[in-house]
Amino acid sequence: MTNFHLRYGTEVAEALRQHRPVVALESTIVSHGLPRPDNLTVARQIEQAVRDAGAVPATIGMVAGELVVGLDDAELTRLATADGVTKLSVRDLAVAAATGADGATTVAATSALAAAAGIRVFATGGLGGVHREAAQTFDESADLVALASTPIAVVCAGVKSILDVGATLERLETLGVTVVGYRTRRFPGFFITDSGFDLDWSADSPELIADILAAREQHGVQHGGLVVAHPLPTDEQLDPQLHDRTLAEGLARLERDGISGKAVTPYLLAHFHSATQGASLAVNVRIILRNADLAARIAVAAARRADPAA
């Protein structure tokens, strides 16, 4: 694992020293994924969801060129409210550090930094993946390659439904990333409960997922991540017909406006927010809060498994 130069928040540093459960959280959802001023409120709610389930939240980001594992509230506020916060994948970290940037870490960067810090569980909303028309554009999220080489469990609601879900699952298989459905054998579709694709494995409790993590260590499976696919209940998903209509409109606008690369995801998510009159935002918030809760319960179960007296 790469030796990043990290600064630890006081609470996170103490928790890691005491081998208490810690959950990594990304900062891109705060700076780029949610609109102001909701983003800061939701960021605090996410951290509280982790605490309520018995773990310590470690939101990861960059402040003035310094990588921080466990942003304090002032730093979280800075990334949520400042203009010019850079979206950081793994490839961007060194340049951003050298230039003293403020930056929000993506799934790829957060995974790598969390693993380097010794954090085993990470909660996010949805993974990046293979983009539609990737056969022509070769557009694929760095999240996939990062997960192929990072030993961490990522709790998510699948991949964002604006992507090519089938192709993403094929890439995860090729890259050796294990995908386990939480109480389901169907892969979730982020805003919608079911993406239409089957899964080979499922787990019905945080304790079983902790057992899987322990078995990976016992068998030396440290080359890649574990994706825990956690679907929304059907009564909490975005209306599927509204979803499909909004997605079709957004893809058409994407082509019309010539949007490409890493601008695609925020563009389409903003379109969903506008076209659904905020319904997709409410769903997005439910997703990340539920995933934060499950990730914390997995981290607690893993800590208890390692030390039953804890």
C-alpha atoms as a PDB file:
ATOM      1  CA  MET A   1       0.000   0.000   0.000  1.00  0.00           C
ATOM      2  CA  THR A   2       1.261   3.475  -0.848  1.00  0.00           C
ATOM      3  CA  ASN A   3       2.694   5.411   2.089  1.00  0.00           C
ATOM      4  CA  PHE A   4       0.678   8.614   1.996  1.00  0.00           C
ATOM      5  CA  HIS A   5       1.576  11.474   4.319  1.00  0.00           C
ATOM      6  CA  LEU A   6      -1.556  11.736   6.428  1.00  0.00           C
ATOM      7  CA  ARG A   7      -2.750  13.923   9.281  1.00  0.00           C
ATOM      8  CA  TYR A   8      -5.292  12.299  11.572  1.00  0.00           C
ATOM      9  CA  GLY A   9      -8.154  14.004  13.337  1.00  0.00           C
ATOM     10  CA  THR A  10      -7.937  13.683  17.105  1.00  0.00           C
ATOM     11  CA  GLU A  11     -10.984  11.428  17.470  1.00  0.00           C
ATOM     12  CA  VAL A  12      -9.944   9.142  14.618  1.00  0.00           C
ATOM     13  CA  ALA A  13      -6.339   8.863  15.802  1.00  0.00           C
ATOM     14  CA  GLU A  14      -7.501   7.823  19.261  1.00  0.00           C
ATOM     15  CA  ALA A  15      -9.989   5.313  17.883  1.00  0.00           C
ATOM     16  CA  LEU A  16      -7.348   3.697  15.679  1.00  0.00           C
ATOM     17  CA  ARG A  17      -4.894   3.476  18.591  1.00  0.00           C
ATOM     18  CA  GLN A  18      -7.554   1.738  20.678  1.00  0.00           C
ATOM     19  CA  HIS A  19      -8.636  -0.545  17.799  1.00  0.00           C
ATOM     20  CA  ARG A  20     -12.154   0.847  17.955  1.00  0.00           C
ATOM     21  CA  PRO A  21     -14.424   0.668  14.878  1.00  0.00           C
ATOM     22  CA  VAL A  22     -13.867   3.453  12.338  1.00  0.00           C
ATOM     23  CA  VAL A  23     -15.734   4.132   9.092  1.00  0.00           C
ATOM     24  CA  ALA A  24     -14.189   6.114   6.249  1.00  0.00           C
ATOM     25  CA  LEU A  25     -16.372   8.682   4.471  1.00  0.00           C
ATOM     26  CA  GLU A  26     -15.658  10.519   1.228  1.00  0.00           C
ATOM     27  CA  SER A  27     -15.721  14.293   0.900  1.00  0.00           C
ATOM     28  CA  THR A  28     -16.662  14.550  -2.785  1.00  0.00           C
ATOM     29  CA  ILE A  29     -20.314  14.006  -1.905  1.00  0.00           C
ATOM     30  CA  VAL A  30     -19.992  17.063   0.351  1.00  0.00           C
ATOM     31  CA  SER A  31     -18.275  19.408  -2.108  1.00  0.00           C
ATOM     32  CA  HIS A  32     -19.578  18.145  -5.462  1.00  0.00           C
ATOM     33  CA  GLY A  33     -22.392  15.660  -4.931  1.00  0.00           C
ATOM     34  CA  LEU A  34     -24.969  17.684  -3.005  1.00  0.00           C
ATOM     35  CA  PRO A  35     -26.171  21.279  -3.420  1.00  0.00           C
ATOM     36  CA  ARG A  36     -25.475  24.015  -0.885  1.00  0.00           C
ATOM     37  CA  PRO A  37     -26.487  24.480   1.877  1.00  0.00           C
ATOM     38  CA  ASP A  38     -27.835  20.929   2.152  1.00  0.00           C
ATOM     39  CA  ASN A  39     -24.377  19.464   1.643  1.00  0.00           C
ATOM     40  CA  LEU A  40     -22.968  20.541   5.010  1.00  0.00           C
ATOM     41  CA  THR A  41     -26.107  19.531   6.889  1.00  0.00           C
ATOM     42  CA  VAL A  42     -26.093  16.095   5.263  1.00  0.00           C
ATOM     43  CA  ALA A  43     -22.345  15.663   5.864  1.00  0.00           C
ATOM     44  CA  ARG A  44     -22.932  16.149   9.576  1.00  0.00           C
ATOM     45  CA  GLN A  45     -25.900  13.756   9.468  1.00  0.00           C
ATOM     46  CA  ILE A  46     -23.743  11.107   7.801  1.00  0.00           C
ATOM     47  CA  GLU A  47     -21.132  11.376  10.529  1.00  0.00           C
ATOM     48  CA  GLN A  48     -23.852  11.218  13.174  1.00  0.00           C
ATOM     49  CA  ALA A  49     -25.325   8.078  11.578  1.00  0.00           C
ATOM     50  CA  VAL A  50     -21.938   6.399  11.974  1.00  0.00           C
ATOM     51  CA  ARG A  51     -21.693   7.477  15.609  1.00  0.00           C
ATOM     52  CA  ASP A  52     -25.255   6.362  16.364  1.00  0.00           C
ATOM     53  CA  ALA A  53     -24.350   2.859  15.175  1.00  0.00           C
ATOM     54  CA  GLY A  54     -21.309   2.704  17.455  1.00  0.00           C
ATOM     55  CA  ALA A  55     -18.371   3.651  15.214  1.00  0.00           C
ATOM     56  CA  VAL A  56     -16.170   6.705  14.671  1.00  0.00           C
ATOM     57  CA  PRO A  57     -16.581   8.625  11.393  1.00  0.00           C
ATOM     58  CA  ALA A  58     -13.445   9.515   9.436  1.00  0.00           C
ATOM     59  CA  THR A  59     -14.338  11.922   6.649  1.00  0.00           C
ATOM     60  CA  ILE A  60     -11.291  12.197   4.396  1.00  0.00           C
ATOM     61  CA  GLY A  61     -10.221  15.222   2.384  1.00  0.00           C
ATOM     62  CA  MET A  62      -7.415  17.662   1.644  1.00  0.00           C
ATOM     63  CA  VAL A  63      -7.053  21.029   3.369  1.00  0.00           C
ATOM     64  CA  ALA A  64      -4.409  23.437   2.057  1.00  0.00           C
ATOM     65  CA  GLY A  65      -2.469  20.569   0.523  1.00  0.00           C
ATOM     66  CA  GLU A  66      -2.624  18.352   3.606  1.00  0.00           C
ATOM     67  CA  LEU A  67      -4.400  14.987   3.505  1.00  0.00           C
ATOM     68  CA  VAL A  68      -6.648  14.648   6.533  1.00  0.00           C
ATOM     69  CA  VAL A  69      -8.208  11.435   7.826  1.00  0.00           C
ATOM     70  CA  GLY A  70     -10.982  12.677  10.067  1.00  0.00           C
ATOM     71  CA  LEU A  71     -11.864  16.240   9.120  1.00  0.00           C
ATOM     72  CA  ASP A  72     -13.025  18.367  12.030  1.00  0.00           C
ATOM     73  CA  ASP A  73     -16.180  20.430  11.713  1.00  0.00           C
ATOM     74  CA  ALA A  74     -14.346  23.582  10.631  1.00  0.00           C
ATOM     75  CA  GLU A  75     -12.510  21.662   7.891  1.00  0.00           C
ATOM     76  CA  LEU A  76     -15.715  19.952   6.818  1.00  0.00           C
ATOM     77  CA  THR A  77     -17.389  23.358   6.614  1.00  0.00           C
ATOM     78  CA  ARG A  78     -14.502  24.693   4.541  1.00  0.00           C
ATOM     79  CA  LEU A  79     -14.811  21.921   1.941  1.00  0.00           C
ATOM     80  CA  ALA A  80     -18.591  22.243   1.888  1.00  0.00           C
ATOM     81  CA  THR A  81     -18.740  26.006   1.422  1.00  0.00           C
ATOM     82  CA  ALA A  82     -15.532  27.176  -0.290  1.00  0.00           C
ATOM     83  CA  ASP A  83     -15.348  27.820  -4.000  1.00  0.00           C
ATOM     84  CA  GLY A  84     -12.683  26.069  -6.021  1.00  0.00           C
ATOM     85  CA  VAL A  85     -12.511  22.827  -4.036  1.00  0.00           C
ATOM     86  CA  THR A  86     -10.855  20.313  -6.355  1.00  0.00           C
ATOM     87  CA  LYS A  87     -12.247  16.842  -6.995  1.00  0.00           C
ATOM     88  CA  LEU A  88      -9.377  14.478  -6.198  1.00  0.00           C
ATOM     89  CA  SER A  89      -8.849  10.967  -7.480  1.00  0.00           C
ATOM     90  CA  VAL A  90      -5.662   9.070  -6.635  1.00  0.00           C
ATOM     91  CA  ARG A  91      -3.789  10.508  -9.616  1.00  0.00           C
ATOM     92  CA  ASP A  92      -4.469  14.068  -8.402  1.00  0.00           C
ATOM     93  CA  LEU A  93      -3.236  13.766  -4.813  1.00  0.00           C
ATOM     94  CA  ALA A  94       0.434  14.614  -5.307  1.00  0.00           C
ATOM     95  CA  VAL A  95      -0.203  17.605  -7.562  1.00  0.00           C
ATOM     96  CA  ALA A  96      -2.897  18.950  -5.240  1.00  0.00           C
ATOM     97  CA  ALA A  97      -0.636  18.531  -2.217  1.00  0.00           C
ATOM     98  CA  ALA A  98       2.257  20.297  -3.918  1.00  0.00           C
ATOM     99  CA  THR A  99       0.059  23.227  -4.907  1.00  0.00           C
ATOM    100  CA  GLY A 100      -1.585  23.559  -1.493  1.00  0.00           C
ATOM    101  CA  ALA A 101      -5.080  22.851  -2.786  1.00  0.00           C
ATOM    102  CA  ASP A 102      -8.296  22.255  -0.956  1.00  0.00           C
ATOM    103  CA  GLY A 103      -9.669  18.987  -2.287  1.00  0.00           C
ATOM    104  CA  ALA A 104     -12.476  16.503  -1.894  1.00  0.00           C
ATOM    105  CA  THR A 105     -11.603  12.834  -2.298  1.00  0.00           C
ATOM    106  CA  THR A 106     -13.492  10.533  -4.658  1.00  0.00           C
ATOM    107  CA  VAL A 107     -14.319   6.883  -3.950  1.00  0.00           C
ATOM    108  CA  ALA A 108     -10.969   5.887  -5.474  1.00  0.00           C
ATOM    109  CA  ALA A 109      -8.893   8.311  -3.409  1.00  0.00           C
ATOM    110  CA  THR A 110     -10.890   7.765  -0.219  1.00  0.00           C
ATOM    111  CA  SER A 111     -10.493   3.997  -0.544  1.00  0.00           C
ATOM    112  CA  ALA A 112      -6.741   4.250  -1.000  1.00  0.00           C
ATOM    113  CA  LEU A 113      -6.269   6.724   1.844  1.00  0.00           C
ATOM    114  CA  ALA A 114      -8.537   4.819   4.223  1.00  0.00           C
ATOM    115  CA  ALA A 115      -6.703   1.561   3.572  1.00  0.00           C
ATOM    116  CA  ALA A 116      -3.367   3.310   4.105  1.00  0.00           C
ATOM    117  CA  ALA A 117      -4.694   4.570   7.441  1.00  0.00           C
ATOM    118  CA  GLY A 118      -5.727   1.068   8.508  1.00  0.00           C
ATOM    119  CA  ILE A 119      -9.471   1.649   8.117  1.00  0.00           C
ATOM    120  CA  ARG A 120     -11.248  -1.413   6.743  1.00  0.00           C
ATOM    121  CA  VAL A 121     -14.775  -0.133   6.047  1.00  0.00           C
ATOM    122  CA  PHE A 122     -15.914   2.763   3.865  1.00  0.00           C
ATOM    123  CA  ALA A 123     -19.434   4.093   3.246  1.00  0.00           C
ATOM    124  CA  THR A 124     -20.442   5.945   0.107  1.00  0.00           C
ATOM    125  CA  GLY A 125     -23.541   6.505  -2.008  1.00  0.00           C
ATOM    126  CA  GLY A 126     -22.790   4.872  -5.345  1.00  0.00           C
ATOM    127  CA  LEU A 127     -19.635   3.734  -7.070  1.00  0.00           C
ATOM    128  CA  GLY A 128     -18.312   5.095 -10.306  1.00  0.00           C
ATOM    129  CA  GLY A 129     -18.072   2.643 -13.159  1.00  0.00           C
ATOM    130  CA  VAL A 130     -18.072   2.118 -16.887  1.00  0.00           C
ATOM    131  CA  HIS A 131     -19.804   4.964 -18.682  1.00  0.00           C
ATOM    132  CA  ARG A 132     -22.305   4.472 -21.439  1.00  0.00           C
ATOM    133  CA  GLU A 133     -20.688   4.499 -24.884  1.00  0.00           C
ATOM    134  CA  ALA A 134     -17.404   3.479 -23.251  1.00  0.00           C
ATOM    135  CA  ALA A 135     -16.602   1.332 -26.289  1.00  0.00           C
ATOM    136  CA  GLN A 136     -16.055   4.604 -28.143  1.00  0.00           C
ATOM    137  CA  THR A 137     -14.885   6.895 -25.351  1.00  0.00           C
ATOM    138  CA  PHE A 138     -12.995   4.463 -23.088  1.00  0.00           C
ATOM    139  CA  ASP A 139     -14.569   6.402 -20.213  1.00  0.00           C
ATOM    140  CA  GLU A 140     -14.294   4.366 -17.045  1.00  0.00           C
ATOM    141  CA  SER A 141     -14.134   5.547 -13.458  1.00  0.00           C
ATOM    142  CA  ALA A 142     -10.860   5.249 -11.584  1.00  0.00           C
ATOM    143  CA  ASP A 143     -12.948   3.793  -8.746  1.00  0.00           C
ATOM    144  CA  LEU A 144     -12.804   0.375 -10.412  1.00  0.00           C
ATOM    145  CA  VAL A 145      -9.029   0.176 -10.725  1.00  0.00           C
ATOM    146  CA  ALA A 146      -8.584   1.529  -7.202  1.00  0.00           C
ATOM    147  CA  LEU A 147     -10.903  -1.116  -5.766  1.00  0.00           C
ATOM    148  CA  ALA A 148      -8.958  -3.796  -7.631  1.00  0.00           C
ATOM    149  CA  SER A 149      -5.858  -2.984  -5.584  1.00  0.00           C
ATOM    150  CA  THR A 150      -7.274  -1.727  -2.288  1.00  0.00           C
ATOM    151  CA  PRO A 151      -8.209  -4.073   0.587  1.00  0.00           C
ATOM    152  CA  ILE A 152     -11.307  -2.310   1.872  1.00  0.00           C
ATOM    153  CA  ALA A 153     -15.028  -3.013   2.175  1.00  0.00           C
ATOM    154  CA  VAL A 154     -17.151  -0.398   0.431  1.00  0.00           C
ATOM    155  CA  VAL A 155     -20.820  -0.152   1.357  1.00  0.00           C
ATOM    156  CA  CYS A 156     -22.756   1.404  -1.519  1.00  0.00           C
ATOM    157  CA  ALA A 157     -26.086   1.350  -3.356  1.00  0.00           C
ATOM    158  CA  GLY A 158     -24.445  -0.205  -6.404  1.00  0.00           C
ATOM    159  CA  VAL A 159     -23.095   2.007  -9.147  1.00  0.00           C
ATOM    160  CA  LYS A 160     -24.782   5.191 -10.200  1.00  0.00           C
ATOM    161  CA  SER A 161     -27.676   4.316 -12.496  1.00  0.00           C
ATOM    162  CA  ILE A 162     -26.493   6.865 -15.063  1.00  0.00           C
ATOM    163  CA  LEU A 163     -23.676   4.402 -15.930  1.00  0.00           C
ATOM    164  CA  ASP A 164     -23.519   1.115 -17.846  1.00  0.00           C
ATOM    165  CA  VAL A 165     -24.300  -1.206 -14.936  1.00  0.00           C
ATOM    166  CA  GLY A 166     -23.791  -4.478 -16.791  1.00  0.00           C
ATOM    167  CA  ALA A 167     -20.405  -3.449 -18.155  1.00  0.00           C
ATOM    168  CA  THR A 168     -19.363  -2.227 -14.704  1.00  0.00           C
ATOM    169  CA  LEU A 169     -20.179  -5.582 -13.128  1.00  0.00           C
ATOM    170  CA  GLU A 170     -18.166  -7.317 -15.846  1.00  0.00           C
ATOM    171  CA  ARG A 171     -15.186  -5.052 -15.126  1.00  0.00           C
ATOM    172  CA  LEU A 172     -15.452  -5.680 -11.378  1.00  0.00           C
ATOM    173  CA  GLU A 173     -15.366  -9.413 -12.064  1.00  0.00           C
ATOM    174  CA  THR A 174     -12.365  -9.080 -14.376  1.00  0.00           C
ATOM    175  CA  LEU A 175     -10.533  -6.950 -11.807  1.00  0.00           C
ATOM    176  CA  GLY A 176     -11.163  -9.487  -9.042  1.00  0.00           C
ATOM    177  CA  VAL A 177     -13.400  -7.283  -6.908  1.00  0.00           C
ATOM    178  CA  THR A 178     -15.882  -9.296  -4.830  1.00  0.00           C
ATOM    179  CA  VAL A 179     -19.485  -8.080  -4.871  1.00  0.00           C
ATOM    180  CA  VAL A 180     -21.874  -9.209  -2.126  1.00  0.00           C
ATOM    181  CA  GLY A 181     -25.494  -8.132  -1.918  1.00  0.00           C
ATOM    182  CA  TYR A 182     -26.753  -7.175   1.507  1.00  0.00           C
ATOM    183  CA  ARG A 183     -29.905  -9.248   1.972  1.00  0.00           C
ATOM    184  CA  THR A 184     -30.341  -9.464  -1.798  1.00  0.00           C
ATOM    185  CA  ARG A 185     -29.154 -11.425  -4.830  1.00  0.00           C
ATOM    186  CA  ARG A 186     -29.912  -8.489  -7.135  1.00  0.00           C
ATOM    187  CA  PHE A 187     -27.514  -5.628  -7.753  1.00  0.00           C
ATOM    188  CA  PRO A 188     -29.033  -2.287  -6.723  1.00  0.00           C
ATOM    189  CA  GLY A 189     -29.338   0.594  -9.177  1.00  0.00           C
ATOM    190  CA  PHE A 190     -28.549   3.521  -6.883  1.00  0.00           C
ATOM    191  CA  PHE A 191     -31.735   5.618  -7.213  1.00  0.00           C
ATOM    192  CA  ILE A 192     -33.710   2.416  -7.841  1.00  0.00           C
ATOM    193  CA  THR A 193     -33.747  -0.787  -5.829  1.00  0.00           C
ATOM    194  CA  ASP A 194     -33.004  -3.258  -8.623  1.00  0.00           C
ATOM    195  CA  SER A 195     -30.697  -2.608 -11.572  1.00  0.00           C
ATOM    196  CA  GLY A 196     -31.813  -5.790 -13.301  1.00  0.00           C
ATOM    197  CA  PHE A 197     -28.608  -7.785 -12.706  1.00  0.00           C
ATOM    198  CA  ASP A 198     -28.094 -10.857 -10.526  1.00  0.00           C
ATOM    199  CA  LEU A 199     -25.394 -11.356  -7.921  1.00  0.00           C
ATOM    200  CA  ASP A 200     -23.614 -14.589  -7.008  1.00  0.00           C
ATOM    201  CA  TRP A 201     -23.350 -13.871  -3.295  1.00  0.00           C
ATOM    202  CA  SER A 202     -25.372 -12.283  -0.528  1.00  0.00           C
ATOM    203  CA  ALA A 203     -24.987 -11.722   3.210  1.00  0.00           C
ATOM    204  CA  ASP A 204     -27.803 -11.181   5.671  1.00  0.00           C
ATOM    205  CA  SER A 205     -26.024  -9.559   8.610  1.00  0.00           C
ATOM    206  CA  PRO A 206     -23.134  -7.232   9.484  1.00  0.00           C
ATOM    207  CA  GLU A 207     -21.608 -10.134  11.394  1.00  0.00           C
ATOM    208  CA  LEU A 208     -21.447 -12.290   8.261  1.00  0.00           C
ATOM    209  CA  ILE A 209     -19.767  -9.488   6.346  1.00  0.00           C
ATOM    210  CA  ALA A 210     -17.262  -9.173   9.204  1.00  0.00           C
ATOM    211  CA  ASP A 211     -16.664 -12.932   8.859  1.00  0.00           C
ATOM    212  CA  ILE A 212     -16.022 -12.446   5.134  1.00  0.00           C
ATOM    213  CA  LEU A 213     -13.480  -9.712   5.870  1.00  0.00           C
ATOM    214  CA  ALA A 214     -11.758 -11.969   8.398  1.00  0.00           C
ATOM    215  CA  ALA A 215     -11.720 -14.874   5.939  1.00  0.00           C
ATOM    216  CA  ARG A 216     -10.158 -12.642   3.291  1.00  0.00           C
ATOM    217  CA  GLU A 217      -7.326 -11.829   5.693  1.00  0.00           C
ATOM    218  CA  GLN A 218      -6.904 -15.460   6.774  1.00  0.00           C
ATOM    219  CA  HIS A 219      -6.642 -16.594   3.159  1.00  0.00           C
ATOM    220  CA  GLY A 220      -4.376 -13.738   2.133  1.00  0.00           C
ATOM    221  CA  VAL A 221      -6.928 -12.126  -0.184  1.00  0.00           C
ATOM    222  CA  GLN A 222      -5.571  -8.611  -0.014  1.00  0.00           C
ATOM    223  CA  HIS A 223      -5.334  -7.638  -3.659  1.00  0.00           C
ATOM    224  CA  GLY A 224      -8.782  -6.077  -3.997  1.00  0.00           C
ATOM    225  CA  GLY A 225     -11.840  -4.695  -2.325  1.00  0.00           C
ATOM    226  CA  LEU A 226     -15.180  -6.034  -1.203  1.00  0.00           C
ATOM    227  CA  VAL A 227     -18.256  -4.229  -2.514  1.00  0.00           C
ATOM    228  CA  VAL A 228     -21.260  -4.540  -0.199  1.00  0.00           C
ATOM    229  CA  ALA A 229     -24.254  -3.693  -2.389  1.00  0.00           C
ATOM    230  CA  HIS A 230     -26.989  -2.250  -0.179  1.00  0.00           C
ATOM    231  CA  PRO A 231     -30.258  -1.517  -1.996  1.00  0.00           C
ATOM    232  CA  LEU A 232     -32.908   0.925  -0.917  1.00  0.00           C
ATOM    233  CA  PRO A 233     -36.242  -0.616   0.086  1.00  0.00           C
ATOM    234  CA  THR A 234     -38.674  -0.395  -2.816  1.00  0.00           C
ATOM    235  CA  ASP A 235     -40.859   2.096  -0.946  1.00  0.00           C
ATOM    236  CA  GLU A 236     -37.878   4.487  -0.628  1.00  0.00           C
ATOM    237  CA  GLN A 237     -36.554   4.343  -4.191  1.00  0.00           C
ATOM    238  CA  LEU A 238     -37.089   6.948  -6.871  1.00  0.00           C
ATOM    239  CA  ASP A 239     -40.143   6.105  -8.965  1.00  0.00           C
ATOM    240  CA  PRO A 240     -38.672   3.816 -11.670  1.00  0.00           C
ATOM    241  CA  GLN A 241     -40.658   5.403 -14.509  1.00  0.00           C
ATOM    242  CA  LEU A 242     -39.591   8.878 -13.422  1.00  0.00           C
ATOM    243  CA  HIS A 243     -36.036   7.614 -13.169  1.00  0.00           C
ATOM    244  CA  ASP A 244     -35.981   6.158 -16.686  1.00  0.00           C
ATOM    245  CA  ARG A 245     -37.559   9.255 -18.226  1.00  0.00           C
ATOM    246  CA  THR A 246     -35.180  11.604 -16.422  1.00  0.00           C
ATOM    247  CA  LEU A 247     -32.156   9.524 -17.381  1.00  0.00           C
ATOM    248  CA  ALA A 248     -33.105   9.527 -21.075  1.00  0.00           C
ATOM    249  CA  GLU A 249     -33.543  13.300 -20.997  1.00  0.00           C
ATOM    250  CA  GLY A 250     -30.239  13.772 -19.197  1.00  0.00           C
ATOM    251  CA  LEU A 251     -28.289  11.617 -21.642  1.00  0.00           C
ATOM    252  CA  ALA A 252     -29.725  13.582 -24.553  1.00  0.00           C
ATOM    253  CA  ARG A 253     -28.707  16.882 -22.926  1.00  0.00           C
ATOM    254  CA  LEU A 254     -25.262  15.473 -22.178  1.00  0.00           C
ATOM    255  CA  GLU A 255     -24.661  14.835 -25.882  1.00  0.00           C
ATOM    256  CA  ARG A 256     -26.164  18.182 -26.856  1.00  0.00           C
ATOM    257  CA  ASP A 257     -23.933  20.114 -24.463  1.00  0.00           C
ATOM    258  CA  GLY A 258     -20.783  18.108 -25.241  1.00  0.00           C
ATOM    259  CA  ILE A 259     -20.133  17.120 -21.633  1.00  0.00           C
ATOM    260  CA  SER A 260     -17.493  14.420 -21.122  1.00  0.00           C
ATOM    261  CA  GLY A 261     -15.005  12.987 -18.634  1.00  0.00           C
ATOM    262  CA  LYS A 262     -15.380  13.614 -14.933  1.00  0.00           C
ATOM    263  CA  ALA A 263     -17.933  16.363 -15.587  1.00  0.00           C
ATOM    264  CA  VAL A 264     -20.503  13.765 -16.689  1.00  0.00           C
ATOM    265  CA  THR A 265     -21.559  12.498 -13.260  1.00  0.00           C
ATOM    266  CA  PRO A 266     -22.137  15.876 -11.545  1.00  0.00           C
ATOM    267  CA  TYR A 267     -23.920  17.126 -14.677  1.00  0.00           C
ATOM    268  CA  LEU A 268     -26.351  14.210 -14.727  1.00  0.00           C
ATOM    269  CA  LEU A 269     -26.912  14.264 -10.980  1.00  0.00           C
ATOM    270  CA  ALA A 270     -27.742  17.977 -11.172  1.00  0.00           C
ATOM    271  CA  HIS A 271     -30.179  17.211 -13.994  1.00  0.00           C
ATOM    272  CA  PHE A 272     -31.841  14.540 -11.867  1.00  0.00           C
ATOM    273  CA  HIS A 273     -32.196  16.993  -8.996  1.00  0.00           C
ATOM    274  CA  SER A 274     -33.769  19.630 -11.192  1.00  0.00           C
ATOM    275  CA  ALA A 275     -35.983  17.351 -13.292  1.00  0.00           C
ATOM    276  CA  THR A 276     -37.348  15.410 -10.314  1.00  0.00           C
ATOM    277  CA  GLN A 277     -37.921  18.605  -8.303  1.00  0.00           C
ATOM    278  CA  GLY A 278     -35.598  17.429  -5.566  1.00  0.00           C
ATOM    279  CA  ALA A 279     -36.931  13.872  -5.278  1.00  0.00           C
ATOM    280  CA  SER A 280     -33.619  12.375  -6.423  1.00  0.00           C
ATOM    281  CA  LEU A 281     -31.753  14.453  -3.828  1.00  0.00           C
ATOM    282  CA  ALA A 282     -33.962  13.067  -1.069  1.00  0.00           C
ATOM    283  CA  VAL A 283     -33.275   9.546  -2.334  1.00  0.00           C
ATOM    284  CA  ASN A 284     -29.540  10.264  -2.506  1.00  0.00           C
ATOM    285  CA  VAL A 285     -29.552  11.382   1.119  1.00  0.00           C
ATOM    286  CA  ARG A 286     -31.455   8.277   2.210  1.00  0.00           C
ATOM    287  CA  ILE A 287     -28.909   6.134   0.382  1.00  0.00           C
ATOM    288  CA  ILE A 288     -25.839   7.561   2.070  1.00  0.00           C
ATOM    289  CA  LEU A 289     -27.399   7.646   5.543  1.00  0.00           C
ATOM    290  CA  ARG A 290     -28.457   3.998   5.263  1.00  0.00           C
ATOM    291  CA  ASN A 291     -25.021   3.029   3.952  1.00  0.00           C
ATOM    292  CA  ALA A 292     -23.274   4.909   6.758  1.00  0.00           C
ATOM    293  CA  ASP A 293     -25.370   3.035   9.310  1.00  0.00           C
ATOM    294  CA  LEU A 294     -24.648  -0.367   7.750  1.00  0.00           C
ATOM    295  CA  ALA A 295     -20.943   0.361   7.369  1.00  0.00           C
ATOM    296  CA  ALA A 296     -20.743   1.321  11.034  1.00  0.00           C
ATOM    297  CA  ARG A 297     -22.477  -1.886  12.074  1.00  0.00           C
ATOM    298  CA  ILE A 298     -20.033  -3.889   9.939  1.00  0.00           C
ATOM    299  CA  ALA A 299     -17.080  -2.053  11.517  1.00  0.00           C
ATOM    300  CA  VAL A 300     -18.466  -2.736  15.000  1.00  0.00           C
ATOM    301  CA  ALA A 301     -18.962  -6.426  14.175  1.00  0.00           C
ATOM    302  CA  ALA A 302     -15.429  -6.664  12.783  1.00  0.00           C
ATOM    303  CA  ALA A 303     -13.984  -5.044  15.914  1.00  0.00           C
ATOM    304  CA  ARG A 304     -15.909  -7.421  18.170  1.00  0.00           C
ATOM    305  CA  ARG A 305     -14.781 -10.387  16.114  1.00  0.00           C
ATOM    306  CA  ALA A 306     -11.162  -9.324  16.499  1.00  0.00           C
ATOM    307  CA  ASP A 307     -11.574  -8.693  20.229  1.00  0.00           C
ATOM    308  CA  PRO A 308     -14.691 -10.352  21.740  1.00  0.00           C
ATOM    309  CA  ALA A 309     -14.028  -8.597  25.056  1.00  0.00           C
ATOM    310  CA  ALA A 310     -14.253  -5.165  23.453  1.00  0.00           C
END
